[in-house]
Amino acid sequence: MQAERTWTESFIWHIRQAPFQLMHMRQLAETTVGAQAVGAGKITGSKDRATLPYRVDPADDADALYAELVIFGREVAERIGGASPRPLRARIWSGRTEPQGLPVCDPSEAFSLAAEIVQWLEASAYTIAHDEHLHDAPEHLMTTIRKMRARYPRAEPKFRSYRPRPCPTCGERTISPVWGAGGLSGARCESCGQKWDGADK
């Protein structure tokens, strides 16, 4: 039971990182200064070189991560049936047989699309943990997320709730950060569920 709980917690932690990671990677891809630093790419059939309007590596890797998230989500949807999030069926850059990556969108839209899928996967985590037909797909997705976090680390603000002060409601020292699209959006006590808005709680 403990091992199952630990696996489910690990799975949820990993997939919760995906929207933030995708947003970060798309932000990196759209940084024109970074695009200039990458250097000029050769134009096919020409001796001329031209700079790209975006950074290719984070853009390609963001597409790969999003495609894997969608493919995994579709696999889970087939296994459990019922309604699935719209981004699994639409708002995808599709290839001939399977998704290729994110649609044309800005970083905050990439966050929103991935967050909708992740929220649904999180609600299905128990089923995912017990479905042997998914084979190693959940572990593969977690590995991909870890690789992207290592390749494109995010500079997240330090959460200050770990100072030695207990939750004012229940007295336990179990306050955790709540992250939103713009970064730290508040705090929540894991023991009693009390929530606070803003980064200074």
Foldseek 3Di string as FASTA:
>chain_A
DVVLVVVLVLLLVLLVCLLVLLLLLLVQFQPQVNQVVVDWDDDPPDPDTHTDNTDPVSVQLQFVLQQLLLVLLVVVCVVPPDDADPLNVDQFCADPPGGRGGHPDHSLVSSVSSVRRSVVCSVCSSVVSPDCVSPCSSVVSSVSSVVSCVVRPDDADDQDLQDPFADPPPRHSAKDFDADPVGTFWIARPPPGDTDGDRPD
